[in-house]
N, C-alpha and C. Protein backbone atom coordinates (compact mmCIF):
# COMPACT_ATOMS: atom_id res chain seq x y z
N MET A 1 -12.65 -19.85 32.25
CA MET A 1 -13.68 -19.59 31.43
C MET A 1 -13.46 -18.40 30.26
N PHE A 2 -12.83 -17.36 30.92
CA PHE A 2 -12.31 -16.37 30.13
C PHE A 2 -11.45 -16.64 28.94
N LEU A 3 -10.42 -17.40 29.31
CA LEU A 3 -9.44 -17.83 28.38
C LEU A 3 -10.04 -18.84 27.43
N ASP A 4 -11.04 -19.61 27.69
CA ASP A 4 -11.72 -20.55 26.71
C ASP A 4 -12.58 -19.59 25.75
N GLY A 5 -12.94 -18.50 26.18
CA GLY A 5 -13.87 -17.60 25.31
C GLY A 5 -12.79 -17.01 24.30
N LEU A 6 -11.64 -16.44 24.74
CA LEU A 6 -10.68 -15.92 23.91
C LEU A 6 -10.17 -16.98 22.90
N VAL A 7 -10.04 -18.09 23.30
CA VAL A 7 -9.44 -19.21 22.38
C VAL A 7 -10.55 -19.46 21.41
N TYR A 8 -11.74 -19.70 21.79
CA TYR A 8 -12.92 -19.84 20.86
C TYR A 8 -13.16 -18.67 20.05
N GLY A 9 -12.95 -17.53 20.25
CA GLY A 9 -13.10 -16.41 19.53
C GLY A 9 -12.05 -16.35 18.36
N TYR A 10 -10.74 -16.75 18.84
CA TYR A 10 -9.71 -16.72 17.76
C TYR A 10 -10.05 -17.75 16.81
N SER A 11 -10.40 -19.01 17.34
CA SER A 11 -10.69 -20.14 16.47
C SER A 11 -11.81 -19.68 15.42
N GLU A 12 -12.71 -19.11 15.78
CA GLU A 12 -13.89 -18.46 14.88
C GLU A 12 -13.28 -17.49 13.76
N ALA A 13 -12.34 -16.74 14.46
CA ALA A 13 -11.73 -15.53 13.51
C ALA A 13 -11.08 -16.30 12.43
N ILE A 14 -10.45 -17.52 12.56
CA ILE A 14 -9.56 -18.12 11.44
C ILE A 14 -10.33 -19.22 10.82
N GLY A 15 -11.70 -19.40 11.09
CA GLY A 15 -12.49 -20.30 10.32
C GLY A 15 -12.79 -21.52 10.90
N GLY A 16 -12.76 -21.54 12.36
CA GLY A 16 -12.85 -22.84 13.12
C GLY A 16 -14.54 -23.28 12.84
N GLY A 17 -15.35 -22.35 13.13
CA GLY A 17 -16.76 -22.65 13.03
C GLY A 17 -17.20 -23.82 13.68
N ASN A 18 -16.88 -24.34 14.90
CA ASN A 18 -17.20 -25.51 15.76
C ASN A 18 -18.34 -25.04 16.49
N THR A 19 -19.50 -25.64 16.28
CA THR A 19 -20.78 -25.20 17.15
C THR A 19 -21.19 -26.50 17.87
N ASP A 20 -20.39 -27.50 18.07
CA ASP A 20 -20.86 -28.72 18.68
C ASP A 20 -20.94 -28.56 20.16
N GLY A 21 -20.35 -27.90 20.92
CA GLY A 21 -20.32 -27.60 22.20
C GLY A 21 -21.21 -26.68 22.76
N PHE A 22 -22.14 -26.13 22.11
CA PHE A 22 -22.97 -25.06 22.47
C PHE A 22 -23.95 -25.51 23.50
N GLY A 23 -24.43 -26.88 23.37
CA GLY A 23 -25.36 -27.40 24.29
C GLY A 23 -26.90 -26.67 24.13
N PHE A 24 -27.79 -26.89 25.13
CA PHE A 24 -28.95 -26.48 24.92
C PHE A 24 -29.52 -25.28 25.79
N ASP A 25 -28.47 -24.92 26.83
CA ASP A 25 -28.91 -23.78 27.65
C ASP A 25 -28.72 -22.66 26.89
N TYR A 26 -29.58 -21.64 27.04
CA TYR A 26 -29.56 -20.30 26.26
C TYR A 26 -29.20 -20.48 24.90
N GLU A 27 -29.81 -21.42 24.18
CA GLU A 27 -29.50 -21.72 22.82
C GLU A 27 -29.64 -20.52 21.85
N GLY A 28 -30.86 -19.57 22.07
CA GLY A 28 -30.74 -18.60 21.35
C GLY A 28 -30.04 -17.55 21.34
N LEU A 29 -29.56 -17.19 22.57
CA LEU A 29 -28.63 -16.28 22.91
C LEU A 29 -27.10 -16.70 22.38
N VAL A 30 -26.93 -17.98 22.54
CA VAL A 30 -25.52 -18.55 22.17
C VAL A 30 -25.50 -18.44 20.72
N TRP A 31 -26.60 -18.78 19.83
CA TRP A 31 -26.57 -18.80 18.28
C TRP A 31 -26.43 -17.30 17.86
N THR A 32 -27.15 -16.39 18.76
CA THR A 32 -26.94 -14.87 18.28
C THR A 32 -25.51 -14.41 18.40
N ILE A 33 -25.00 -14.76 19.51
CA ILE A 33 -23.56 -14.19 19.86
C ILE A 33 -22.67 -14.89 18.76
N TRP A 34 -22.86 -16.20 18.21
CA TRP A 34 -22.04 -16.78 17.25
C TRP A 34 -22.18 -16.08 15.91
N ILE A 35 -23.44 -15.68 15.65
CA ILE A 35 -23.55 -15.12 14.34
C ILE A 35 -23.06 -13.70 14.37
N MET A 36 -23.20 -13.01 15.36
CA MET A 36 -22.52 -11.72 15.50
C MET A 36 -20.95 -11.65 15.39
N ASN A 37 -20.32 -12.72 16.24
CA ASN A 37 -19.08 -12.89 16.15
C ASN A 37 -18.52 -13.21 14.75
N THR A 38 -19.22 -13.93 14.08
CA THR A 38 -18.76 -14.43 12.71
C THR A 38 -19.02 -13.04 11.61
N VAL A 39 -20.01 -12.26 11.86
CA VAL A 39 -20.40 -11.24 10.95
C VAL A 39 -19.29 -10.03 11.22
N ILE A 40 -18.96 -9.88 12.44
CA ILE A 40 -17.85 -8.91 12.85
C ILE A 40 -16.65 -8.97 12.45
N THR A 41 -16.16 -10.37 12.50
CA THR A 41 -14.80 -10.86 12.22
C THR A 41 -14.85 -10.80 10.66
N LEU A 42 -15.80 -11.10 10.03
CA LEU A 42 -15.78 -10.87 8.45
C LEU A 42 -15.55 -9.54 8.10
N ILE A 43 -16.50 -8.72 8.69
CA ILE A 43 -16.30 -7.21 8.52
C ILE A 43 -15.06 -6.59 8.79
N ILE A 44 -14.32 -7.05 9.83
CA ILE A 44 -12.97 -6.52 10.10
C ILE A 44 -12.06 -7.06 9.12
N PHE A 45 -11.98 -8.45 8.86
CA PHE A 45 -11.19 -8.89 7.66
C PHE A 45 -11.31 -8.10 6.34
N LEU A 46 -12.65 -8.05 5.89
CA LEU A 46 -12.84 -7.38 4.59
C LEU A 46 -12.26 -5.98 4.58
N ASN A 47 -12.62 -5.18 5.87
CA ASN A 47 -11.86 -3.91 5.84
C ASN A 47 -10.39 -3.96 5.77
N LEU A 48 -9.92 -4.92 6.50
CA LEU A 48 -8.35 -5.10 6.44
C LEU A 48 -7.84 -5.32 4.86
N LEU A 49 -8.64 -6.03 4.14
CA LEU A 49 -8.18 -6.70 2.78
C LEU A 49 -8.55 -5.18 1.84
N VAL A 50 -9.51 -4.56 2.05
CA VAL A 50 -9.72 -3.18 1.31
C VAL A 50 -8.61 -2.39 1.50
N SER A 51 -8.07 -2.18 2.77
CA SER A 51 -7.16 -1.24 3.31
C SER A 51 -5.84 -1.64 2.51
N ILE A 52 -5.61 -2.95 2.51
CA ILE A 52 -4.18 -3.34 2.04
C ILE A 52 -4.36 -3.28 0.48
N MET A 53 -5.37 -3.39 -0.31
CA MET A 53 -5.47 -3.48 -1.56
C MET A 53 -5.41 -1.84 -2.06
N GLY A 54 -6.08 -0.95 -1.31
CA GLY A 54 -6.06 0.35 -1.47
C GLY A 54 -4.60 0.84 -1.36
N ASP A 55 -3.89 0.51 -0.48
CA ASP A 55 -2.61 0.94 -0.20
C ASP A 55 -1.59 0.44 -1.29
N THR A 56 -1.92 -0.76 -1.69
CA THR A 56 -1.00 -1.24 -2.82
C THR A 56 -1.44 -0.53 -4.10
N PHE A 57 -2.65 -0.17 -4.45
CA PHE A 57 -3.15 0.53 -5.67
C PHE A 57 -2.44 1.83 -5.55
N ASP A 58 -2.55 2.62 -4.43
CA ASP A 58 -1.88 3.92 -4.35
C ASP A 58 -0.34 3.95 -4.70
N ARG A 59 0.33 2.84 -4.16
CA ARG A 59 1.78 2.81 -4.35
C ARG A 59 2.04 2.47 -5.88
N ILE A 60 1.25 1.71 -6.43
CA ILE A 60 1.39 1.28 -7.94
C ILE A 60 1.19 2.74 -8.73
N GLN A 61 0.08 3.39 -8.49
CA GLN A 61 -0.30 4.69 -9.16
C GLN A 61 0.80 5.72 -9.09
N GLU A 62 1.42 5.80 -7.85
CA GLU A 62 2.57 6.79 -7.56
C GLU A 62 3.61 6.48 -8.74
N THR A 63 3.79 5.31 -8.99
CA THR A 63 5.15 5.10 -9.90
C THR A 63 4.78 4.66 -11.34
N LEU A 64 3.51 4.78 -11.61
CA LEU A 64 2.89 4.30 -12.92
C LEU A 64 3.59 4.88 -14.12
N GLU A 65 3.79 6.29 -14.11
CA GLU A 65 4.39 7.02 -15.37
C GLU A 65 5.96 6.63 -15.35
N ASN A 66 6.48 6.61 -14.25
CA ASN A 66 7.93 6.33 -14.31
C ASN A 66 8.21 4.89 -14.81
N ASN A 67 7.54 3.99 -14.30
CA ASN A 67 7.65 2.53 -14.79
C ASN A 67 7.30 2.49 -16.35
N LYS A 68 6.29 3.35 -16.80
CA LYS A 68 6.00 3.20 -18.12
C LYS A 68 7.10 3.66 -19.02
N TYR A 69 7.86 4.81 -18.77
CA TYR A 69 8.84 5.24 -19.44
C TYR A 69 10.05 4.33 -19.31
N LYS A 70 10.22 3.90 -18.06
CA LYS A 70 11.37 2.63 -17.97
C LYS A 70 11.07 1.52 -18.88
N GLU A 71 9.96 1.01 -18.94
CA GLU A 71 9.63 -0.05 -19.68
C GLU A 71 9.81 0.20 -21.19
N LEU A 72 9.50 1.44 -21.71
CA LEU A 72 9.64 1.87 -23.06
C LEU A 72 11.18 2.06 -23.39
N CYS A 73 12.20 2.41 -22.31
CA CYS A 73 13.43 2.48 -22.72
C CYS A 73 13.87 1.14 -22.72
N CYS A 74 13.49 0.09 -21.99
CA CYS A 74 13.97 -1.15 -22.02
C CYS A 74 13.63 -1.77 -23.39
N ILE A 75 12.56 -1.60 -23.88
CA ILE A 75 12.14 -2.08 -25.08
C ILE A 75 13.01 -1.44 -26.26
N MET A 76 13.17 -0.02 -26.14
CA MET A 76 14.21 0.40 -27.15
C MET A 76 15.44 -0.10 -27.22
N SER A 77 15.91 -0.42 -25.79
CA SER A 77 17.24 -0.85 -25.80
C SER A 77 17.49 -2.36 -26.44
N GLU A 78 16.38 -3.07 -26.12
CA GLU A 78 16.40 -4.56 -26.48
C GLU A 78 16.22 -4.52 -28.17
N ASN A 79 15.71 -3.60 -28.89
CA ASN A 79 15.36 -3.75 -30.06
C ASN A 79 16.30 -2.73 -30.85
N GLU A 80 17.39 -2.30 -30.29
CA GLU A 80 18.13 -1.29 -30.93
C GLU A 80 18.78 -1.66 -32.13
N HIS A 81 19.17 -2.95 -32.14
CA HIS A 81 19.87 -3.50 -33.40
C HIS A 81 18.87 -3.43 -34.66
N LEU A 82 17.58 -3.45 -34.51
CA LEU A 82 16.88 -3.32 -35.65
C LEU A 82 16.90 -1.99 -36.44
N PHE A 83 17.35 -0.95 -35.59
CA PHE A 83 17.55 0.52 -36.32
C PHE A 83 18.90 0.81 -36.28
N PRO A 84 19.66 0.79 -37.44
CA PRO A 84 20.85 1.20 -37.57
C PRO A 84 21.10 2.78 -37.13
N ARG A 85 22.07 2.97 -36.24
CA ARG A 85 22.11 4.42 -35.88
C ARG A 85 22.55 5.37 -37.25
N GLY A 86 23.60 4.64 -37.97
CA GLY A 86 24.08 5.40 -39.08
C GLY A 86 23.09 5.90 -40.13
N LEU A 87 22.14 5.10 -40.39
CA LEU A 87 21.10 5.58 -41.29
C LEU A 87 20.10 6.56 -40.75
N ILE A 88 19.83 6.58 -39.50
CA ILE A 88 18.93 7.43 -38.75
C ILE A 88 19.64 8.78 -38.59
N PHE A 89 20.83 8.69 -37.91
CA PHE A 89 21.59 10.07 -37.52
C PHE A 89 22.36 10.51 -38.75
N GLY A 90 22.81 9.67 -39.47
CA GLY A 90 23.77 10.19 -40.66
C GLY A 90 25.10 10.47 -39.91
N ASP A 91 25.66 11.66 -40.17
CA ASP A 91 26.92 12.11 -39.78
C ASP A 91 26.69 12.94 -38.41
N ALA A 92 25.55 13.13 -37.84
CA ALA A 92 25.33 14.08 -36.78
C ALA A 92 26.02 13.47 -35.50
N LYS A 93 26.50 14.26 -34.71
CA LYS A 93 27.30 13.92 -33.48
C LYS A 93 26.34 14.14 -32.32
N TYR A 94 25.61 13.11 -32.02
CA TYR A 94 24.61 13.14 -31.00
C TYR A 94 25.10 12.01 -29.87
N ILE A 95 24.81 12.39 -28.64
CA ILE A 95 25.05 11.47 -27.49
C ILE A 95 23.61 11.31 -26.87
N ILE A 96 23.48 10.04 -26.84
CA ILE A 96 22.04 9.62 -26.29
C ILE A 96 22.32 8.97 -24.84
N ILE A 97 21.86 9.56 -23.95
CA ILE A 97 21.99 9.18 -22.72
C ILE A 97 20.64 8.90 -21.99
N ILE A 98 20.48 7.70 -21.40
CA ILE A 98 19.47 7.23 -20.75
C ILE A 98 19.62 6.94 -19.31
N GLU A 99 19.01 7.67 -18.41
CA GLU A 99 19.31 7.59 -16.86
C GLU A 99 17.92 7.42 -16.23
N GLU A 100 17.95 6.77 -15.15
CA GLU A 100 16.81 6.57 -14.26
C GLU A 100 16.88 7.85 -13.25
N GLU A 101 15.80 8.52 -13.13
CA GLU A 101 15.74 9.78 -12.24
C GLU A 101 14.92 9.16 -11.19
N LYS A 102 15.39 9.89 -9.98
CA LYS A 102 14.56 9.64 -8.75
C LYS A 102 14.04 11.04 -8.13
N ALA A 103 13.04 10.91 -7.65
CA ALA A 103 12.36 12.18 -7.13
C ALA A 103 13.07 12.63 -5.79
N GLU A 104 12.95 13.76 -5.18
CA GLU A 104 13.78 14.03 -4.17
C GLU A 104 13.52 13.37 -3.02
N GLU A 105 12.32 13.31 -2.76
CA GLU A 105 11.75 12.67 -1.43
C GLU A 105 11.41 11.20 -1.39
N THR A 106 11.82 10.57 -2.47
CA THR A 106 11.53 9.02 -2.43
C THR A 106 12.39 8.49 -1.51
N GLU A 107 11.89 7.31 -0.92
CA GLU A 107 12.82 6.63 -0.03
C GLU A 107 12.69 4.97 -0.67
N GLU A 108 13.67 4.21 -0.13
CA GLU A 108 13.85 2.84 -0.56
C GLU A 108 12.40 2.14 -0.44
N ASN A 109 11.79 2.29 0.75
CA ASN A 109 10.61 1.60 0.91
C ASN A 109 9.45 2.52 1.15
N TRP A 110 8.49 2.14 0.31
CA TRP A 110 7.30 3.11 0.41
C TRP A 110 6.42 3.03 1.60
N GLU A 111 6.17 4.18 2.25
CA GLU A 111 5.38 4.06 3.61
C GLU A 111 4.07 4.73 3.58
N GLY A 112 3.61 5.03 2.42
CA GLY A 112 2.29 5.61 2.26
C GLY A 112 2.15 7.14 2.30
N LYS A 113 0.80 7.45 2.12
CA LYS A 113 0.56 8.85 1.96
C LYS A 113 0.70 9.54 3.49
N MET A 114 0.29 8.55 4.53
CA MET A 114 0.37 9.33 5.87
C MET A 114 1.59 9.77 6.26
N LYS A 115 2.80 9.14 5.94
CA LYS A 115 3.98 9.53 6.29
C LYS A 115 4.47 10.71 5.56
N LEU A 116 3.88 10.82 4.12
CA LEU A 116 4.20 12.27 3.49
C LEU A 116 3.44 13.29 4.03
N LEU A 117 2.18 13.05 4.27
CA LEU A 117 1.30 14.15 5.33
C LEU A 117 1.91 14.40 6.46
N LYS A 118 2.44 13.60 7.22
CA LYS A 118 3.07 13.81 8.53
C LYS A 118 4.27 14.67 8.29
N ASN A 119 5.06 14.39 7.34
CA ASN A 119 6.38 15.13 6.95
C ASN A 119 6.14 16.44 6.62
N PHE A 120 4.75 16.71 5.69
CA PHE A 120 4.49 17.95 5.40
C PHE A 120 4.02 18.85 6.59
N MET A 121 3.15 18.31 7.33
CA MET A 121 2.70 18.88 8.57
C MET A 121 3.85 19.28 9.57
N GLU A 122 4.94 18.50 9.62
CA GLU A 122 6.00 18.83 10.46
C GLU A 122 6.88 19.99 9.75
N LYS A 123 6.92 19.96 8.59
CA LYS A 123 7.78 21.13 7.85
C LYS A 123 6.96 22.31 8.06
N SER A 124 5.59 22.39 7.86
CA SER A 124 4.62 23.46 7.92
C SER A 124 4.69 23.97 9.37
N ALA A 125 4.74 23.23 10.38
CA ALA A 125 4.76 23.82 11.84
C ALA A 125 6.21 24.28 12.07
N GLU A 126 7.08 23.71 11.59
CA GLU A 126 8.46 24.28 11.72
C GLU A 126 8.71 25.74 10.99
N ALA A 127 7.98 25.87 9.90
CA ALA A 127 7.99 27.20 9.16
C ALA A 127 7.36 27.98 9.87
N GLN A 128 6.05 27.71 10.41
CA GLN A 128 5.26 28.58 11.23
C GLN A 128 5.76 29.12 12.67
N THR A 129 6.69 28.06 13.24
CA THR A 129 7.44 28.43 14.35
C THR A 129 8.49 29.38 14.16
N LYS A 130 9.26 29.20 12.98
CA LYS A 130 10.07 30.27 12.59
C LYS A 130 9.64 31.68 12.22
N LEU A 131 8.51 31.63 11.86
CA LEU A 131 7.92 32.99 11.41
C LEU A 131 7.46 33.60 12.64
N ILE A 132 6.84 32.80 13.68
CA ILE A 132 6.52 33.56 15.03
C ILE A 132 7.58 33.96 15.64
N GLN A 133 8.69 33.21 15.65
CA GLN A 133 9.89 33.76 16.49
C GLN A 133 10.55 34.83 15.76
N LYS A 134 10.40 34.99 14.46
CA LYS A 134 10.90 36.13 13.62
C LYS A 134 10.24 37.55 14.08
N SER A 135 8.83 37.25 14.22
CA SER A 135 8.02 38.45 14.44
C SER A 135 8.20 38.94 15.99
N PHE A 136 8.60 38.18 16.69
CA PHE A 136 8.86 38.66 18.21
C PHE A 136 10.23 39.28 18.30
């Protein structure tokens, strides 16, 4: 009986919506529980969606300026043949270097603000511990 309830709850969560087997015993209670199950599942999934979209938006906003400059450099590189350097720079001896810079604490995979906050708190705790040990 309990396992059947779990299977039915899972079926509802993924959009099963089967109400054929409800019968007529306790019909009002069964429909109330079904509606509550549907609403709660919908709220949980929408909160999950908002969380994922917010995390993605934060990740994109963190790299927005760097990506903008990278795209501008790519456009300049693609269209370099349109502007002859000899006419623009004359006899000046310039070296133009374009490199991609990375921040000190960036990692290959972005793990969100919580990890950065955790690292900051750990470093602060270590600094406080050293300060306390130094005072004794």
